[in-house]
Protein backbone atom coordinates (compact mmCIF):
# COMPACT_ATOMS: atom_id res chain seq x y z
CA UNK A 1 -58.11 46.10 32.80
CA UNK A 2 -55.22 44.66 32.08
CA UNK A 3 -54.43 40.76 31.31
CA UNK A 4 -51.26 38.37 31.07
CA UNK A 5 -51.36 35.66 28.78
CA UNK A 6 -49.76 32.47 30.32
CA UNK A 7 -48.29 29.62 27.87
CA UNK A 8 -48.43 26.21 29.72
CA UNK A 9 -46.70 22.75 28.57
CA UNK A 10 -48.17 20.24 30.07
CA UNK A 11 -45.31 17.65 30.49
CA UNK A 12 -46.99 14.56 31.22
CA UNK A 13 -49.15 15.33 28.13
CA UNK A 14 -46.77 16.63 25.34
CA UNK A 15 -49.41 15.53 22.83
CA UNK A 16 -51.71 18.33 24.02
CA UNK A 17 -49.59 20.98 22.58
CA UNK A 18 -49.47 24.33 24.50
CA UNK A 19 -52.25 25.75 26.94
CA UNK A 20 -52.52 29.69 26.56
CA UNK A 21 -54.77 31.04 30.22
CA UNK A 22 -55.28 34.59 30.78
CA UNK A 23 -54.30 36.11 34.30
CA UNK A 24 -54.73 39.61 35.27
CA UNK A 25 -51.75 41.88 35.20
CA UNK A 26 -50.99 43.27 38.75
CA UNK A 27 -47.32 43.62 37.66
CA UNK A 28 -45.73 41.22 40.03
CA UNK A 29 -44.00 38.44 38.94
CA UNK A 30 -46.39 35.80 40.67
CA UNK A 31 -49.72 34.48 38.65
CA UNK A 32 -53.09 35.87 39.58
CA UNK A 33 -55.67 33.48 39.45
CA UNK A 34 -57.06 32.33 35.73
CA UNK A 35 -59.73 34.24 34.45
CA UNK A 36 -61.70 31.51 32.58
CA UNK A 37 -64.51 34.22 30.63
CA UNK A 38 -62.33 36.37 28.84
CA UNK A 39 -62.96 35.90 25.11
CA UNK A 40 -60.57 37.01 22.52
CA UNK A 41 -62.51 39.97 21.86
CA UNK A 42 -61.72 41.32 25.30
CA UNK A 43 -58.14 41.01 24.50
CA UNK A 44 -57.91 42.65 21.72
CA UNK A 45 -59.25 45.59 22.91
CA UNK A 46 -56.71 46.29 25.38
CA UNK A 47 -53.65 48.55 24.30
CA UNK A 48 -51.16 45.84 25.64
CA UNK A 49 -52.59 43.35 23.24
CA UNK A 50 -53.43 45.11 20.30
CA UNK A 51 -50.00 44.41 18.18
CA UNK A 52 -49.06 41.13 21.09
CA UNK A 53 -48.04 38.51 18.33
CA UNK A 54 -49.42 35.79 20.69
CA UNK A 55 -53.01 37.16 20.75
CA UNK A 56 -52.89 37.58 17.08
CA UNK A 57 -51.69 34.58 16.46
CA UNK A 58 -54.93 33.32 18.76
CA UNK A 59 -57.08 35.34 16.83
CA UNK A 60 -55.79 34.23 13.44
CA UNK A 61 -56.55 30.81 14.16
CA UNK A 62 -59.77 31.30 14.92
CA UNK A 63 -60.13 31.13 18.65
CA UNK A 64 -62.49 33.22 20.24
CA UNK A 65 -63.72 32.00 23.33
CA UNK A 66 -61.43 30.13 26.07
CA UNK A 67 -60.14 27.31 26.43
CA UNK A 68 -57.32 28.97 24.57
CA UNK A 69 -54.30 26.43 23.14
CA UNK A 70 -52.46 25.49 20.66
CA UNK A 71 -51.86 21.70 19.45
CA UNK A 72 -48.59 20.28 18.23
CA UNK A 73 -49.45 20.51 14.72
CA UNK A 74 -49.70 24.22 14.86
CA UNK A 75 -46.90 24.62 17.63
CA UNK A 76 -44.47 22.65 14.83
CA UNK A 77 -45.09 25.82 12.45
CA UNK A 78 -42.45 28.52 13.11
CA UNK A 79 -44.20 31.60 13.08
CA UNK A 80 -45.92 30.07 16.12
CA UNK A 81 -42.94 28.51 18.00
CA UNK A 82 -41.04 31.50 17.93
CA UNK A 83 -44.29 33.51 19.23
CA UNK A 84 -44.50 31.36 22.16
CA UNK A 85 -40.60 31.08 22.66
CA UNK A 86 -40.23 35.01 22.94
CA UNK A 87 -43.50 35.23 25.33
CA UNK A 88 -42.12 36.04 28.59
CA UNK A 89 -44.59 33.89 30.88
CA UNK A 90 -43.56 30.66 29.13
CA UNK A 91 -44.26 27.42 31.91
CA UNK A 92 -44.17 23.60 32.43
CA UNK A 93 -47.09 22.16 34.29
CA UNK A 94 -46.07 18.22 36.00
CA UNK A 95 -49.27 16.35 37.22
CA UNK A 96 -52.70 17.29 37.32
CA UNK A 97 -54.99 20.00 38.72
CA UNK A 98 -53.17 21.74 41.51
CA UNK A 99 -49.63 20.86 40.75
CA UNK A 100 -47.21 23.96 40.41
CA UNK A 101 -45.97 25.72 37.77
CA UNK A 102 -42.59 25.68 36.58
CA UNK A 103 -41.02 28.89 34.75
CA UNK A 104 -38.95 28.03 31.44
CA UNK A 105 -37.00 29.89 28.96
CA UNK A 106 -38.15 27.93 25.59
CA UNK A 107 -40.08 24.83 24.35
CA UNK A 108 -36.80 23.27 23.67
CA UNK A 109 -36.59 20.15 25.49
CA UNK A 110 -40.40 19.38 26.22
CA UNK A 111 -42.47 19.23 22.64
CA UNK A 112 -40.93 16.84 20.06
CA UNK A 113 -40.38 19.24 16.68
CA UNK A 114 -40.33 17.25 13.43
CA UNK A 115 -40.22 18.72 9.71
CA UNK A 116 -43.10 20.78 8.84
CA UNK A 117 -45.91 18.52 7.96
CA UNK A 118 -47.10 18.96 4.11
CA UNK A 119 -51.09 19.69 4.62
CA UNK A 120 -53.67 20.04 2.45
CA UNK A 121 -55.55 23.09 1.50
CA UNK A 122 -59.25 23.43 3.13
CA UNK A 123 -62.46 24.20 1.39
CA UNK A 124 -62.88 28.02 1.59
CA UNK A 125 -66.96 28.12 1.74
CA UNK A 126 -67.77 32.11 2.07
CA UNK A 127 -67.22 35.08 3.81
CA UNK A 128 -69.64 36.30 6.65
CA UNK A 129 -70.48 39.48 7.79
CA UNK A 130 -71.38 40.30 11.74
CA UNK A 131 -73.25 43.24 12.82
CA UNK A 132 -72.00 44.31 16.43
CA UNK A 133 -74.87 46.90 17.09
CA UNK A 134 -78.05 46.67 15.45
CA UNK A 135 -78.85 50.73 16.43
CA UNK A 136 -75.70 51.51 13.86
CA UNK A 137 -75.32 47.98 12.01
CA UNK A 138 -73.37 49.19 9.00
CA UNK A 139 -70.58 50.64 11.39
CA UNK A 140 -67.80 47.98 12.46
CA UNK A 141 -69.08 44.51 10.33
CA UNK A 142 -66.93 41.76 11.90
CA UNK A 143 -65.21 39.77 9.29
CA UNK A 144 -64.95 36.44 9.40
CA UNK A 145 -64.06 33.17 6.87
CA UNK A 146 -65.98 29.63 7.00
CA UNK A 147 -64.30 26.54 6.01
CA UNK A 148 -65.97 23.40 5.17
CA UNK A 149 -65.99 21.13 8.45
CA UNK A 150 -64.38 23.41 10.66
CA UNK A 151 -66.27 25.49 13.57
CA UNK A 152 -63.73 28.19 13.77
CA UNK A 153 -64.40 31.25 11.98
CA UNK A 154 -61.20 32.89 10.83
CA UNK A 155 -60.28 36.56 10.59
CA UNK A 156 -59.09 38.47 7.32
CA UNK A 157 -55.56 38.57 8.54
CA UNK A 158 -54.24 35.19 6.70
CA UNK A 159 -51.77 32.59 8.59
CA UNK A 160 -50.28 29.33 7.76
CA UNK A 161 -50.99 27.55 10.96
CA UNK A 162 -53.09 24.55 9.98
CA UNK A 163 -56.86 24.12 11.86
CA UNK A 164 -58.22 21.07 12.71
CA UNK A 165 -61.78 19.88 11.16
CA UNK A 166 -64.38 18.25 12.54
CA UNK A 167 -63.41 14.90 11.78
CA UNK A 168 -60.26 14.99 13.47
CA UNK A 169 -58.18 16.46 9.65
CA UNK A 170 -55.52 19.18 9.71
CA UNK A 171 -55.97 21.69 6.96
CA UNK A 172 -54.54 24.87 5.90
CA UNK A 173 -56.71 28.20 4.95
CA UNK A 174 -56.32 28.68 1.01
CA UNK A 175 -54.66 32.30 0.54
CA UNK A 176 -55.27 32.73 -2.66
CA UNK A 177 -58.77 32.66 -2.41
CA UNK A 178 -59.21 33.87 0.93
CA UNK A 179 -57.78 37.23 -1.29
CA UNK A 180 -60.31 36.67 -4.13
CA UNK A 181 -62.98 36.73 -1.88
CA UNK A 182 -61.68 39.63 0.34
CA UNK A 183 -60.56 41.90 -2.45
CA UNK A 184 -64.92 42.27 -2.97
CA UNK A 185 -64.81 44.49 0.43
CA UNK A 186 -62.29 47.23 -1.13
CA UNK A 187 -60.59 49.68 0.53
CA UNK A 188 -63.18 49.26 3.44
CA UNK A 189 -61.80 46.47 4.89
CA UNK A 190 -59.46 46.98 8.00
CA UNK A 191 -57.55 43.62 7.66
CA UNK A 192 -55.59 43.86 11.16
CA UNK A 193 -58.86 44.08 13.37
CA UNK A 194 -60.94 42.30 10.34
CA UNK A 195 -63.57 45.06 10.69
CA UNK A 196 -65.40 46.31 7.53
CA UNK A 197 -66.21 50.02 7.51
CA UNK A 198 -69.40 51.22 4.99
CA UNK A 199 -71.82 54.08 5.06
CA UNK A 200 -75.11 54.13 5.82
CA UNK A 201 -76.03 54.56 2.40
CA UNK A 202 -73.66 52.07 0.93
CA UNK A 203 -76.51 49.39 1.08
CA UNK A 204 -76.15 48.30 -2.11
CA UNK A 205 -72.68 47.21 -1.11
CA UNK A 206 -74.19 44.57 0.93
CA UNK A 207 -76.70 43.66 -1.35
CA UNK A 208 -74.00 43.15 -4.10
CA UNK A 209 -71.79 40.96 -1.45
CA UNK A 210 -74.66 38.64 -0.39
CA UNK A 211 -75.51 38.17 -4.11
CA UNK A 212 -72.09 36.89 -4.33
CA UNK A 213 -72.17 34.36 -1.38
CA UNK A 214 -71.38 36.91 1.54
CA UNK A 215 -73.72 35.83 4.62
CA UNK A 216 -75.12 39.00 6.65
CA UNK A 217 -75.57 37.96 10.71
CA UNK A 218 -77.24 39.68 13.20
CA UNK A 219 -77.01 38.91 17.23
CA UNK A 220 -79.64 36.52 18.37
CA UNK A 221 -79.38 36.44 22.44
CA UNK A 222 -75.90 36.68 24.26
CA UNK A 223 -74.01 34.55 21.99
CA UNK A 224 -75.33 33.22 19.12
CA UNK A 225 -76.50 35.34 15.72
CA UNK A 226 -79.17 34.59 13.06
CA UNK A 227 -78.75 35.45 9.17
CA UNK A 228 -80.48 38.04 7.58
CA UNK A 229 -82.48 37.83 4.13
CA UNK A 230 -82.76 40.99 1.49
CA UNK A 231 -86.09 41.80 0.58
CA UNK A 232 -88.12 44.43 -1.00
CA UNK A 233 -91.38 45.19 -1.74
CA UNK A 234 -93.52 46.35 -5.09
CA UNK A 235 -92.81 49.65 -4.13
CA UNK A 236 -88.98 49.61 -4.11
CA UNK A 237 -88.74 49.44 -0.10
CA UNK A 238 -85.48 47.16 0.35
CA UNK A 239 -84.44 45.76 3.83
CA UNK A 240 -82.72 42.66 5.44
CA UNK A 241 -84.60 40.51 7.87
CA UNK A 242 -84.38 37.57 9.82
CA UNK A 243 -87.70 36.57 8.58
CA UNK A 244 -86.98 33.60 5.72
CA UNK A 245 -86.96 34.87 2.10
CA UNK A 246 -90.56 33.34 1.95
CA UNK A 247 -92.44 35.03 5.24
CA UNK A 248 -94.93 37.46 5.41
CA UNK A 249 -93.87 40.64 5.27
CA UNK A 250 -97.80 42.38 5.56
CA UNK A 251 -97.14 45.28 8.18
CA UNK A 252 -93.30 44.85 7.94
CA UNK A 253 -92.54 48.02 5.71
CA UNK A 254 -95.24 50.04 7.73
CA UNK A 255 -92.98 49.25 10.64
CA UNK A 256 -89.97 50.38 8.81
CA UNK A 257 -91.14 53.53 7.67
CA UNK A 258 -92.82 54.04 11.46
CA UNK A 259 -89.00 53.22 12.73
CA UNK A 260 -87.48 55.65 10.02
CA UNK A 261 -89.90 58.44 11.37
CA UNK A 262 -88.59 58.03 14.74
CA UNK A 263 -84.93 58.36 13.71
CA UNK A 264 -84.13 54.61 13.34
CA UNK A 265 -82.42 52.18 11.08
CA UNK A 266 -83.93 48.96 12.32
CA UNK A 267 -87.48 47.82 13.42
CA UNK A 268 -88.60 44.48 15.20
CA UNK A 269 -91.78 43.42 14.27
CA UNK A 270 -93.12 39.37 14.85
CA UNK A 271 -89.99 38.36 16.68
CA UNK A 272 -87.90 39.48 13.23
CA UNK A 273 -85.21 41.84 13.04
CA UNK A 274 -85.53 44.25 9.85
CA UNK A 275 -82.53 46.40 9.00
CA UNK A 276 -82.82 49.29 6.66
CA UNK A 277 -80.82 52.66 5.36
CA UNK A 278 -82.53 55.61 6.59
CA UNK A 279 -80.84 57.49 3.53
CA UNK A 280 -82.52 54.79 0.83
CA UNK A 281 -86.19 55.51 2.41
CA UNK A 282 -85.29 59.62 2.01
CA UNK A 283 -84.27 58.97 -1.99
CA UNK A 284 -87.81 56.95 -2.16
CA UNK A 285 -90.84 59.00 -3.90
CA UNK A 286 -92.83 60.76 -1.21
CA UNK A 287 -96.17 58.67 -2.59
CA UNK A 288 -94.37 55.09 -1.86
CA UNK A 289 -94.16 56.26 1.71
CA UNK A 290 -97.63 57.57 2.19
CA UNK A 291 -99.30 55.26 0.75
CA UNK A 292 -97.43 52.76 3.04
CA UNK A 293 -98.20 54.60 5.95
CA UNK A 294 -101.67 55.58 5.33
CA UNK A 295 -104.43 53.21 4.15
CA UNK A 296 -107.36 53.81 1.90
CA UNK A 297 -105.72 57.01 0.70
CA UNK A 298 -105.79 58.14 -3.07
CA UNK A 299 -101.99 58.48 -3.45
CA UNK A 300 -102.06 59.58 -6.84
CA UNK A 301 -104.41 62.13 -6.49
CA UNK A 302 -102.34 63.48 -3.32
CA UNK A 303 -99.56 64.13 -5.30
CA UNK A 304 -100.54 65.05 -9.11
CA UNK A 305 -99.46 68.10 -9.95
CA UNK A 306 -100.78 71.26 -8.43
CA UNK A 307 -103.57 72.57 -11.27
CA UNK A 308 -102.85 76.07 -13.22
CA UNK A 309 -104.63 78.82 -12.21
CA UNK A 310 -106.71 80.76 -15.01
CA UNK A 311 -106.03 84.11 -16.00
CA UNK A 312 -109.55 84.97 -14.56
CA UNK A 313 -108.74 82.97 -10.93
CA UNK A 314 -105.49 85.24 -10.73
CA UNK A 315 -106.67 88.17 -11.44
CA UNK A 316 -109.79 87.84 -8.58
CA UNK A 317 -106.93 86.93 -6.25
CA UNK A 318 -104.97 90.09 -6.97
CA UNK A 319 -108.45 92.41 -6.90
CA UNK A 320 -109.56 90.84 -3.39
CA UNK A 321 -106.12 91.24 -1.64
CA UNK A 322 -105.84 95.00 -3.10
CA UNK A 323 -109.17 96.11 -2.58
CA UNK A 324 -110.23 93.82 0.78
CA UNK A 325 -106.92 93.56 3.06
CA UNK A 326 -105.99 96.34 4.79
CA UNK A 327 -102.13 95.39 4.00
CA UNK A 328 -99.50 95.38 1.47
CA UNK A 329 -98.38 91.87 0.89
CA UNK A 330 -94.96 90.93 0.38
CA UNK A 331 -93.93 88.89 -2.82
CA UNK A 332 -93.55 85.64 -0.84
CA UNK A 333 -96.78 85.89 1.15
CA UNK A 334 -98.71 86.79 -2.30
CA UNK A 335 -96.62 83.45 -3.53
CA UNK A 336 -98.33 81.88 -0.65
CA UNK A 337 -101.92 82.92 -1.27
CA UNK A 338 -101.96 81.81 -4.74
CA UNK A 339 -100.50 78.22 -3.42
CA UNK A 340 -103.48 78.47 -0.91
CA UNK A 341 -105.78 78.58 -3.70
CA UNK A 342 -104.03 75.92 -6.02
CA UNK A 343 -104.17 73.40 -3.29
CA UNK A 344 -107.72 74.07 -2.73
CA UNK A 345 -108.66 74.10 -6.28
CA UNK A 346 -106.81 70.30 -6.26
CA UNK A 347 -109.03 69.69 -3.21
CA UNK A 348 -106.85 68.32 -0.69
CA UNK A 349 -105.50 69.26 2.53
CA UNK A 350 -102.25 71.52 3.21
CA UNK A 351 -99.79 72.76 6.01
CA UNK A 352 -98.43 76.56 5.62
CA UNK A 353 -95.31 76.14 7.10
CA UNK A 354 -93.49 79.68 7.30
CA UNK A 355 -91.29 80.85 10.17
CA UNK A 356 -92.62 82.25 13.15
CA UNK A 357 -93.30 85.84 12.14
CA UNK A 358 -93.81 85.38 8.00
CA UNK A 359 -97.29 86.40 7.62
CA UNK A 360 -99.10 82.91 8.10
CA UNK A 361 -102.26 84.79 9.46
CA UNK A 362 -101.99 87.54 7.13
CA UNK A 363 -101.71 84.75 4.06
CA UNK A 364 -104.84 82.67 5.18
CA UNK A 365 -106.88 86.14 6.19
CA UNK A 366 -106.24 86.57 2.15
CA UNK A 367 -107.21 82.97 1.43
CA UNK A 368 -110.62 83.44 3.19
CA UNK A 369 -111.22 86.53 1.53
CA UNK A 370 -111.00 85.24 -1.62
CA UNK A 371 -113.54 82.86 -1.29
CA UNK A 372 -117.12 82.72 -2.82
CA UNK A 373 -119.96 83.54 -0.38
CA UNK A 374 -121.20 79.54 0.25
CA UNK A 375 -117.26 78.96 1.70
CA UNK A 376 -117.42 81.21 4.00
CA UNK A 377 -117.81 78.79 7.12
CA UNK A 378 -114.39 77.99 8.68
CA UNK A 379 -113.07 77.05 11.92
CA UNK A 380 -109.75 78.61 13.43
CA UNK A 381 -107.67 76.61 16.05
CA UNK A 382 -105.31 79.02 17.37
CA UNK A 383 -103.40 79.70 20.88
CA UNK A 384 -105.22 81.35 23.51
CA UNK A 385 -102.64 84.21 23.29
CA UNK A 386 -103.64 84.73 19.58
CA UNK A 387 -107.14 85.05 19.30
CA UNK A 388 -107.52 88.88 19.79
CA UNK A 389 -105.13 88.80 16.51
CA UNK A 390 -107.83 86.38 14.56
CA UNK A 391 -110.56 88.72 16.13
């Protein structure tokens, strides 16, 4: 869908500045009906507005949703006045609702312009990062800057057009402080689109930014966002959660690891969204993951080093295999038989997970043949097609 921006000067309300309306681009010289639900993101996604000066200035002055427009204080800035004067769709409107529009060539004669006022710089509160998609939450983070007393949020690219605070004061953005704040994002920042591109394994970068005052927010509902907090447990599992800093985290880490096993990067628990890095989970010691997922388990015993077999135990294995097994085991198969003996000595379960055709059945038969007479009762569960092999 293609759009057209239309600048409108209200002749009977010159103190209102310039309205910017959106209509469909039909290719005609006449205007189609105005579209009142188009956002700045919708405009920036379209090719014709990716480099359009007027659209960029809407974006840079913190206008995200309609109604779009510029006040006389803003139009008094040269960069904006030039953009409007060079805009192909500039109109004057006389009268109220339903009155006709008359196309004009420039702002001259319609808006009074004086000398540029010396506005004070506003107070930069900090930076905010907005998650676009929680499934891949680290991708395409929207970067916005917040000023004290201003409802609008501003993108990374600086512009010296004033903004209005909630108490009707006009202020300028502080370029120096913005540069200092944005420098923390490094080369991962796309200034023109105000998007931060990071990799999933750069979880620590976000941690560092949040410790230095940046906020990370996730979508909640259609039009709102909510902040997340950095959390961790004693085992070293870390995540970002919409739950407050002091909320109860029982069960959250278990949900996170379950989501990890299902190849997800987020988990929802008790109405809260929890964001984590699968790559950081992968780097955790296995006893941490197992101990969190499986309750009442002697994790320390499970992850103790494998016991060493004595010379007598090793000699017995080689003797039994030589005397009782009517096959010559390959070296890796013999290694598997010795490993099974170590796991039995450790008294924990295990999986012999060689690929198909590498002799798992032979290794298990050799292992069973080595056992003492008192350990000779076994249950073999296998596909029906393999029962003859086992017999």
